[in-house]
């Protein structure tokens, strides 16, 4: 629901141990149709598999959005709804004095928000540091009603979620600009991110064989080679930006 470029990325899958970059799926027809009757045509202007639309705000609260992709004679479809998102009330920093491992003292961030009452909601939280999105393995934080499960309806987000995006290995310093975003997601997207986190952190003594994560993309073909893997999602976003200061 932001007035910025919207992107649908299409790539061809590859073998798990293939070290080459994925090949872009170019030449597709990509459109999104809203339940209010509007149609948004996405175009691959740079011929790199990134289909974009940027005329105005696309996503509006309570509207269903249907994706349709036509590629190499096959049709791929999906749907997603724009759910409400709470306002981030504030973003605070806590200073920890210098000590072992932190000779200059460090700051940690904590955001505050209250879950929307009388409904089950799914959210993703993410953070930008000096304009750069945090893409660490630990940077995937998803939540149900502001907690790790049911029972927190209409209440403030719990402490582990509020501080879950801090980078313990590289804490914030004075003068850094920090922006937290809270995004409303659908239940299937919540489980998608949980599976993604499990796969990218899958290792060590108890590692299990890797597997594809869930998808909400439906193919018109019954051939397994022409199925799709991925996730289509529309989001409502709230944000709060603040500079680390004494």
C-alpha atoms as a PDB file:
ATOM      1  CA  UNK A   1       0.000   0.000   0.000  1.00  0.00           C
ATOM      2  CA  UNK A   2       2.998   2.313  -0.491  1.00  0.00           C
ATOM      3  CA  UNK A   3       3.372   4.743  -3.365  1.00  0.00           C
ATOM      4  CA  UNK A   4       6.404   3.007  -4.821  1.00  0.00           C
ATOM      5  CA  UNK A   5       7.320   0.525  -7.532  1.00  0.00           C
ATOM      6  CA  UNK A   6       5.637  -2.867  -7.111  1.00  0.00           C
ATOM      7  CA  UNK A   7       7.578  -5.919  -8.329  1.00  0.00           C
ATOM      8  CA  UNK A   8       6.758  -9.494  -9.326  1.00  0.00           C
ATOM      9  CA  UNK A   9       9.939 -11.508  -9.892  1.00  0.00           C
ATOM     10  CA  UNK A  10       9.976 -14.519 -12.217  1.00  0.00           C
ATOM     11  CA  UNK A  11      12.943 -16.890 -12.394  1.00  0.00           C
ATOM     12  CA  UNK A  12      13.548 -20.415 -13.629  1.00  0.00           C
ATOM     13  CA  UNK A  13      14.339 -23.010 -10.987  1.00  0.00           C
ATOM     14  CA  UNK A  14      17.678 -24.822 -10.919  1.00  0.00           C
ATOM     15  CA  UNK A  15      19.346 -27.766  -9.253  1.00  0.00           C
ATOM     16  CA  UNK A  16      20.004 -27.361  -5.530  1.00  0.00           C
ATOM     17  CA  UNK A  17      23.807 -27.554  -5.819  1.00  0.00           C
ATOM     18  CA  UNK A  18      23.995 -25.433  -8.991  1.00  0.00           C
ATOM     19  CA  UNK A  19      26.194 -22.432  -8.115  1.00  0.00           C
ATOM     20  CA  UNK A  20      25.118 -20.367 -11.136  1.00  0.00           C
ATOM     21  CA  UNK A  21      22.597 -17.564 -10.810  1.00  0.00           C
ATOM     22  CA  UNK A  22      19.008 -18.383 -11.654  1.00  0.00           C
ATOM     23  CA  UNK A  23      17.918 -17.537 -15.188  1.00  0.00           C
ATOM     24  CA  UNK A  24      15.276 -14.828 -15.519  1.00  0.00           C
ATOM     25  CA  UNK A  25      11.896 -15.840 -16.947  1.00  0.00           C
ATOM     26  CA  UNK A  26      11.420 -13.160 -19.585  1.00  0.00           C
ATOM     27  CA  UNK A  27       8.679 -12.642 -22.142  1.00  0.00           C
ATOM     28  CA  UNK A  28       5.817 -13.416 -19.786  1.00  0.00           C
ATOM     29  CA  UNK A  29       2.467 -11.636 -19.583  1.00  0.00           C
ATOM     30  CA  UNK A  30       1.851 -10.583 -15.970  1.00  0.00           C
ATOM     31  CA  UNK A  31      -1.207  -8.863 -14.564  1.00  0.00           C
ATOM     32  CA  UNK A  32      -2.970  -8.383 -11.236  1.00  0.00           C
ATOM     33  CA  UNK A  33      -6.756  -7.954 -11.078  1.00  0.00           C
ATOM     34  CA  UNK A  34      -8.431  -6.481  -7.997  1.00  0.00           C
ATOM     35  CA  UNK A  35     -11.881  -7.396  -6.693  1.00  0.00           C
ATOM     36  CA  UNK A  36     -12.940  -3.782  -7.252  1.00  0.00           C
ATOM     37  CA  UNK A  37     -12.539  -4.343 -11.014  1.00  0.00           C
ATOM     38  CA  UNK A  38      -9.185  -2.637 -11.576  1.00  0.00           C
ATOM     39  CA  UNK A  39      -6.447  -4.359 -13.596  1.00  0.00           C
ATOM     40  CA  UNK A  40      -2.736  -3.693 -13.216  1.00  0.00           C
ATOM     41  CA  UNK A  41      -0.415  -4.800 -16.021  1.00  0.00           C
ATOM     42  CA  UNK A  42       3.191  -5.479 -14.963  1.00  0.00           C
ATOM     43  CA  UNK A  43       6.001  -5.028 -17.500  1.00  0.00           C
ATOM     44  CA  UNK A  44       9.593  -6.296 -17.606  1.00  0.00           C
ATOM     45  CA  UNK A  45      11.208  -3.025 -18.697  1.00  0.00           C
ATOM     46  CA  UNK A  46      14.807  -4.187 -18.160  1.00  0.00           C
ATOM     47  CA  UNK A  47      14.284  -7.711 -19.537  1.00  0.00           C
ATOM     48  CA  UNK A  48      15.575  -9.220 -16.290  1.00  0.00           C
ATOM     49  CA  UNK A  49      12.491 -11.075 -15.044  1.00  0.00           C
ATOM     50  CA  UNK A  50      11.418  -8.248 -12.721  1.00  0.00           C
ATOM     51  CA  UNK A  51       7.921  -7.217 -13.791  1.00  0.00           C
ATOM     52  CA  UNK A  52       6.961  -3.843 -12.360  1.00  0.00           C
ATOM     53  CA  UNK A  53       4.055  -1.425 -11.954  1.00  0.00           C
ATOM     54  CA  UNK A  54       4.518   2.067 -10.493  1.00  0.00           C
ATOM     55  CA  UNK A  55       1.677   4.427 -11.445  1.00  0.00           C
ATOM     56  CA  UNK A  56       0.242   5.012  -7.935  1.00  0.00           C
ATOM     57  CA  UNK A  57      -0.781   3.091  -4.803  1.00  0.00           C
ATOM     58  CA  UNK A  58      -1.867  -0.393  -5.891  1.00  0.00           C
ATOM     59  CA  UNK A  59      -2.898  -2.181  -2.687  1.00  0.00           C
ATOM     60  CA  UNK A  60      -5.932  -1.033  -0.686  1.00  0.00           C
ATOM     61  CA  UNK A  61      -7.385  -2.464   2.511  1.00  0.00           C
ATOM     62  CA  UNK A  62      -9.880  -5.322   2.242  1.00  0.00           C
ATOM     63  CA  UNK A  63      -9.435  -5.859  -1.506  1.00  0.00           C
ATOM     64  CA  UNK A  64      -8.700  -9.285  -3.014  1.00  0.00           C
ATOM     65  CA  UNK A  65      -5.967  -9.386  -5.658  1.00  0.00           C
ATOM     66  CA  UNK A  66      -5.616 -12.100  -8.302  1.00  0.00           C
ATOM     67  CA  UNK A  67      -2.345 -12.776 -10.125  1.00  0.00           C
ATOM     68  CA  UNK A  68      -2.249 -14.196 -13.646  1.00  0.00           C
ATOM     69  CA  UNK A  69       0.991 -15.074 -15.428  1.00  0.00           C
ATOM     70  CA  UNK A  70       1.154 -16.489 -18.945  1.00  0.00           C
ATOM     71  CA  UNK A  71       4.554 -17.980 -19.749  1.00  0.00           C
ATOM     72  CA  UNK A  72       5.556 -20.465 -22.464  1.00  0.00           C
ATOM     73  CA  UNK A  73       1.963 -21.498 -23.094  1.00  0.00           C
ATOM     74  CA  UNK A  74       1.175 -22.101 -19.408  1.00  0.00           C
ATOM     75  CA  UNK A  75      -0.984 -20.034 -17.060  1.00  0.00           C
ATOM     76  CA  UNK A  76      -0.061 -19.492 -13.411  1.00  0.00           C
ATOM     77  CA  UNK A  77      -2.512 -17.968 -10.947  1.00  0.00           C
ATOM     78  CA  UNK A  78      -2.747 -16.962  -7.306  1.00  0.00           C
ATOM     79  CA  UNK A  79      -4.758 -14.737  -4.967  1.00  0.00           C
ATOM     80  CA  UNK A  80      -4.045 -12.595  -1.920  1.00  0.00           C
ATOM     81  CA  UNK A  81      -5.995 -10.184   0.311  1.00  0.00           C
ATOM     82  CA  UNK A  82      -4.857  -6.895   1.843  1.00  0.00           C
ATOM     83  CA  UNK A  83      -5.339  -7.215   5.607  1.00  0.00           C
ATOM     84  CA  UNK A  84      -5.146  -4.338   8.131  1.00  0.00           C
ATOM     85  CA  UNK A  85      -1.896  -3.534   9.926  1.00  0.00           C
ATOM     86  CA  UNK A  86      -1.490  -1.743  13.284  1.00  0.00           C
ATOM     87  CA  UNK A  87       0.402   1.506  13.662  1.00  0.00           C
ATOM     88  CA  UNK A  88       3.900   1.319  15.142  1.00  0.00           C
ATOM     89  CA  UNK A  89       3.506   3.574  18.161  1.00  0.00           C
ATOM     90  CA  UNK A  90       7.179   4.226  18.863  1.00  0.00           C
ATOM     91  CA  UNK A  91      10.751   3.080  18.389  1.00  0.00           C
ATOM     92  CA  UNK A  92      13.082   3.280  21.392  1.00  0.00           C
ATOM     93  CA  UNK A  93      16.790   2.665  21.891  1.00  0.00           C
ATOM     94  CA  UNK A  94      18.439   1.217  24.995  1.00  0.00           C
ATOM     95  CA  UNK A  95      22.113   1.927  25.698  1.00  0.00           C
ATOM     96  CA  UNK A  96      24.396  -0.752  27.136  1.00  0.00           C
ATOM     97  CA  UNK A  97      27.606   0.597  28.635  1.00  0.00           C
ATOM     98  CA  UNK A  98      31.027  -0.468  27.409  1.00  0.00           C
ATOM     99  CA  UNK A  99      32.252  -3.848  28.557  1.00  0.00           C
ATOM    100  CA  UNK A 100      33.747  -7.068  27.335  1.00  0.00           C
ATOM    101  CA  UNK A 101      33.132  -7.334  23.613  1.00  0.00           C
ATOM    102  CA  UNK A 102      31.731  -3.785  23.278  1.00  0.00           C
ATOM    103  CA  UNK A 103      34.459  -1.258  24.161  1.00  0.00           C
ATOM    104  CA  UNK A 104      32.401   1.760  23.073  1.00  0.00           C
ATOM    105  CA  UNK A 105      28.956   0.816  24.369  1.00  0.00           C
ATOM    106  CA  UNK A 106      26.078  -0.167  22.079  1.00  0.00           C
ATOM    107  CA  UNK A 107      22.382   0.506  21.433  1.00  0.00           C
ATOM    108  CA  UNK A 108      19.539  -1.946  20.916  1.00  0.00           C
ATOM    109  CA  UNK A 109      16.178  -1.094  19.343  1.00  0.00           C
ATOM    110  CA  UNK A 110      12.659  -1.929  20.465  1.00  0.00           C
ATOM    111  CA  UNK A 111       9.447  -1.085  18.613  1.00  0.00           C
ATOM    112  CA  UNK A 112       5.997  -0.875  20.174  1.00  0.00           C
ATOM    113  CA  UNK A 113       2.698  -1.788  18.497  1.00  0.00           C
ATOM    114  CA  UNK A 114      -0.656  -3.244  19.546  1.00  0.00           C
ATOM    115  CA  UNK A 115      -2.355  -6.123  17.748  1.00  0.00           C
ATOM    116  CA  UNK A 116      -5.704  -5.447  16.061  1.00  0.00           C
ATOM    117  CA  UNK A 117      -8.420  -6.896  18.341  1.00  0.00           C
ATOM    118  CA  UNK A 118     -11.175  -9.419  17.608  1.00  0.00           C
ATOM    119  CA  UNK A 119      -9.458 -11.155  14.709  1.00  0.00           C
ATOM    120  CA  UNK A 120      -6.499 -13.429  14.061  1.00  0.00           C
ATOM    121  CA  UNK A 121      -3.694 -11.516  12.377  1.00  0.00           C
ATOM    122  CA  UNK A 122      -0.368 -12.514  10.888  1.00  0.00           C
ATOM    123  CA  UNK A 123       2.524 -10.071  10.619  1.00  0.00           C
ATOM    124  CA  UNK A 124       6.086  -9.807   9.417  1.00  0.00           C
ATOM    125  CA  UNK A 125       8.490  -7.314  10.994  1.00  0.00           C
ATOM    126  CA  UNK A 126      11.622  -6.134   9.221  1.00  0.00           C
ATOM    127  CA  UNK A 127      14.212  -3.420   9.699  1.00  0.00           C
ATOM    128  CA  UNK A 128      16.234  -1.059   7.508  1.00  0.00           C
ATOM    129  CA  UNK A 129      19.615   0.158   8.753  1.00  0.00           C
ATOM    130  CA  UNK A 130      20.849   3.357   7.128  1.00  0.00           C
ATOM    131  CA  UNK A 131      18.506   2.640   4.224  1.00  0.00           C
ATOM    132  CA  UNK A 132      19.602  -0.988   3.732  1.00  0.00           C
ATOM    133  CA  UNK A 133      17.218  -3.870   4.391  1.00  0.00           C
ATOM    134  CA  UNK A 134      18.436  -6.364   6.992  1.00  0.00           C
ATOM    135  CA  UNK A 135      18.869  -9.622   5.054  1.00  0.00           C
ATOM    136  CA  UNK A 136      20.518 -11.684   7.786  1.00  0.00           C
ATOM    137  CA  UNK A 137      19.309 -15.238   8.349  1.00  0.00           C
ATOM    138  CA  UNK A 138      17.955 -14.006  11.668  1.00  0.00           C
ATOM    139  CA  UNK A 139      16.180 -11.113   9.979  1.00  0.00           C
ATOM    140  CA  UNK A 140      12.998 -13.107   9.281  1.00  0.00           C
ATOM    141  CA  UNK A 141      10.566 -12.318  12.108  1.00  0.00           C
ATOM    142  CA  UNK A 142       6.916 -13.357  11.715  1.00  0.00           C
ATOM    143  CA  UNK A 143       4.237 -13.391  14.374  1.00  0.00           C
ATOM    144  CA  UNK A 144       0.612 -14.300  15.130  1.00  0.00           C
ATOM    145  CA  UNK A 145      -1.276 -11.503  16.892  1.00  0.00           C
ATOM    146  CA  UNK A 146       2.010  -9.996  18.063  1.00  0.00           C
ATOM    147  CA  UNK A 147       3.197 -13.204  19.745  1.00  0.00           C
ATOM    148  CA  UNK A 148       4.355 -16.718  18.868  1.00  0.00           C
ATOM    149  CA  UNK A 149       0.834 -18.133  18.824  1.00  0.00           C
ATOM    150  CA  UNK A 150      -2.758 -17.578  19.898  1.00  0.00           C
ATOM    151  CA  UNK A 151      -3.691 -15.787  23.108  1.00  0.00           C
ATOM    152  CA  UNK A 152      -2.406 -12.278  22.462  1.00  0.00           C
ATOM    153  CA  UNK A 153      -5.387 -10.853  20.575  1.00  0.00           C
ATOM    154  CA  UNK A 154      -5.657  -7.079  20.921  1.00  0.00           C
ATOM    155  CA  UNK A 155      -2.598  -6.831  23.187  1.00  0.00           C
ATOM    156  CA  UNK A 156       0.796  -5.200  22.823  1.00  0.00           C
ATOM    157  CA  UNK A 157       3.384  -7.135  20.819  1.00  0.00           C
ATOM    158  CA  UNK A 158       5.394  -9.281  23.230  1.00  0.00           C
ATOM    159  CA  UNK A 159       8.980  -8.411  24.161  1.00  0.00           C
ATOM    160  CA  UNK A 160      10.810 -11.112  22.101  1.00  0.00           C
ATOM    161  CA  UNK A 161       9.072  -9.846  18.957  1.00  0.00           C
ATOM    162  CA  UNK A 162       9.711  -6.179  19.788  1.00  0.00           C
ATOM    163  CA  UNK A 163      13.477  -6.748  20.069  1.00  0.00           C
ATOM    164  CA  UNK A 164      13.820  -9.759  17.759  1.00  0.00           C
ATOM    165  CA  UNK A 165      15.425  -7.872  14.882  1.00  0.00           C
ATOM    166  CA  UNK A 166      18.487  -6.610  16.772  1.00  0.00           C
ATOM    167  CA  UNK A 167      21.806  -7.770  15.338  1.00  0.00           C
ATOM    168  CA  UNK A 168      23.765  -8.975  18.359  1.00  0.00           C
ATOM    169  CA  UNK A 169      26.981  -9.209  16.354  1.00  0.00           C
ATOM    170  CA  UNK A 170      26.736  -5.638  15.017  1.00  0.00           C
ATOM    171  CA  UNK A 171      24.697  -3.480  17.431  1.00  0.00           C
ATOM    172  CA  UNK A 172      23.511   0.012  16.535  1.00  0.00           C
ATOM    173  CA  UNK A 173      25.781   3.004  17.002  1.00  0.00           C
ATOM    174  CA  UNK A 174      25.101   6.718  17.488  1.00  0.00           C
ATOM    175  CA  UNK A 175      23.935   8.498  14.340  1.00  0.00           C
ATOM    176  CA  UNK A 176      22.599   5.429  12.547  1.00  0.00           C
ATOM    177  CA  UNK A 177      19.138   5.712  10.983  1.00  0.00           C
ATOM    178  CA  UNK A 178      16.850   2.800  11.832  1.00  0.00           C
ATOM    179  CA  UNK A 179      13.446   2.140  10.245  1.00  0.00           C
ATOM    180  CA  UNK A 180      11.154  -0.637  11.443  1.00  0.00           C
ATOM    181  CA  UNK A 181       8.359  -1.893   9.198  1.00  0.00           C
ATOM    182  CA  UNK A 182       5.356  -3.964  10.251  1.00  0.00           C
ATOM    183  CA  UNK A 183       3.523  -5.772   7.444  1.00  0.00           C
ATOM    184  CA  UNK A 184       0.187  -7.570   7.476  1.00  0.00           C
ATOM    185  CA  UNK A 185       0.490 -10.935   5.776  1.00  0.00           C
ATOM    186  CA  UNK A 186      -1.823 -13.874   5.123  1.00  0.00           C
ATOM    187  CA  UNK A 187      -1.670 -17.153   7.028  1.00  0.00           C
ATOM    188  CA  UNK A 188      -0.086 -19.003   4.112  1.00  0.00           C
ATOM    189  CA  UNK A 189       2.632 -16.322   3.844  1.00  0.00           C
ATOM    190  CA  UNK A 190       3.293 -16.675   7.584  1.00  0.00           C
ATOM    191  CA  UNK A 191       3.967 -20.410   7.171  1.00  0.00           C
ATOM    192  CA  UNK A 192       5.998 -19.701   4.002  1.00  0.00           C
ATOM    193  CA  UNK A 193       8.419 -17.450   5.928  1.00  0.00           C
ATOM    194  CA  UNK A 194       8.625 -19.974   8.770  1.00  0.00           C
ATOM    195  CA  UNK A 195       9.648 -22.649   6.282  1.00  0.00           C
ATOM    196  CA  UNK A 196      12.123 -20.315   4.565  1.00  0.00           C
ATOM    197  CA  UNK A 197      13.757 -19.585   7.942  1.00  0.00           C
ATOM    198  CA  UNK A 198      13.944 -23.323   8.685  1.00  0.00           C
ATOM    199  CA  UNK A 199      15.576 -24.070   5.335  1.00  0.00           C
ATOM    200  CA  UNK A 200      18.220 -21.320   5.416  1.00  0.00           C
ATOM    201  CA  UNK A 201      19.149 -22.211   9.004  1.00  0.00           C
ATOM    202  CA  UNK A 202      19.132 -25.951   8.291  1.00  0.00           C
ATOM    203  CA  UNK A 203      22.544 -27.307   9.269  1.00  0.00           C
ATOM    204  CA  UNK A 204      24.647 -28.917  11.940  1.00  0.00           C
ATOM    205  CA  UNK A 205      24.286 -32.280  13.598  1.00  0.00           C
ATOM    206  CA  UNK A 206      20.501 -32.435  13.293  1.00  0.00           C
ATOM    207  CA  UNK A 207      20.162 -31.090   9.744  1.00  0.00           C
ATOM    208  CA  UNK A 208      17.445 -32.642   7.590  1.00  0.00           C
ATOM    209  CA  UNK A 209      17.330 -33.045   3.782  1.00  0.00           C
ATOM    210  CA  UNK A 210      16.459 -29.717   2.086  1.00  0.00           C
ATOM    211  CA  UNK A 211      13.062 -29.355   0.480  1.00  0.00           C
ATOM    212  CA  UNK A 212      10.991 -26.818  -1.411  1.00  0.00           C
ATOM    213  CA  UNK A 213       8.933 -24.492   0.739  1.00  0.00           C
ATOM    214  CA  UNK A 214       5.186 -24.150   0.256  1.00  0.00           C
ATOM    215  CA  UNK A 215       3.756 -22.198  -2.678  1.00  0.00           C
ATOM    216  CA  UNK A 216       0.444 -20.500  -3.436  1.00  0.00           C
ATOM    217  CA  UNK A 217       1.040 -20.422  -7.212  1.00  0.00           C
ATOM    218  CA  UNK A 218      -1.258 -22.730  -9.217  1.00  0.00           C
ATOM    219  CA  UNK A 219      -0.216 -24.019 -12.658  1.00  0.00           C
ATOM    220  CA  UNK A 220      -2.554 -24.892 -15.505  1.00  0.00           C
ATOM    221  CA  UNK A 221      -0.269 -27.826 -16.351  1.00  0.00           C
ATOM    222  CA  UNK A 222      -0.298 -31.259 -14.739  1.00  0.00           C
ATOM    223  CA  UNK A 223       3.381 -31.809 -15.658  1.00  0.00           C
ATOM    224  CA  UNK A 224       5.663 -31.521 -12.639  1.00  0.00           C
ATOM    225  CA  UNK A 225       8.313 -29.731 -14.739  1.00  0.00           C
ATOM    226  CA  UNK A 226       5.849 -26.941 -15.444  1.00  0.00           C
ATOM    227  CA  UNK A 227       4.762 -26.326 -11.852  1.00  0.00           C
ATOM    228  CA  UNK A 228       5.733 -23.157 -10.018  1.00  0.00           C
ATOM    229  CA  UNK A 229       7.388 -22.533  -6.668  1.00  0.00           C
ATOM    230  CA  UNK A 230       6.974 -19.181  -4.966  1.00  0.00           C
ATOM    231  CA  UNK A 231       4.632 -16.901  -3.090  1.00  0.00           C
ATOM    232  CA  UNK A 232       2.314 -14.105  -4.235  1.00  0.00           C
ATOM    233  CA  UNK A 233       1.384 -11.656  -1.502  1.00  0.00           C
ATOM    234  CA  UNK A 234      -0.048  -8.169  -1.098  1.00  0.00           C
ATOM    235  CA  UNK A 235       0.702  -6.251   2.105  1.00  0.00           C
ATOM    236  CA  UNK A 236      -0.377  -3.299   4.187  1.00  0.00           C
ATOM    237  CA  UNK A 237       2.650  -1.627   5.790  1.00  0.00           C
ATOM    238  CA  UNK A 238       3.249   0.684   8.745  1.00  0.00           C
ATOM    239  CA  UNK A 239       6.682   2.062   9.627  1.00  0.00           C
ATOM    240  CA  UNK A 240       8.601   4.145  12.158  1.00  0.00           C
ATOM    241  CA  UNK A 241      12.024   5.718  11.512  1.00  0.00           C
ATOM    242  CA  UNK A 242      14.395   7.159  14.074  1.00  0.00           C
ATOM    243  CA  UNK A 243      18.049   8.171  14.417  1.00  0.00           C
ATOM    244  CA  UNK A 244      20.082   6.656  17.229  1.00  0.00           C
ATOM    245  CA  UNK A 245      20.880   9.501  19.629  1.00  0.00           C
ATOM    246  CA  UNK A 246      21.912   9.990  23.248  1.00  0.00           C
END
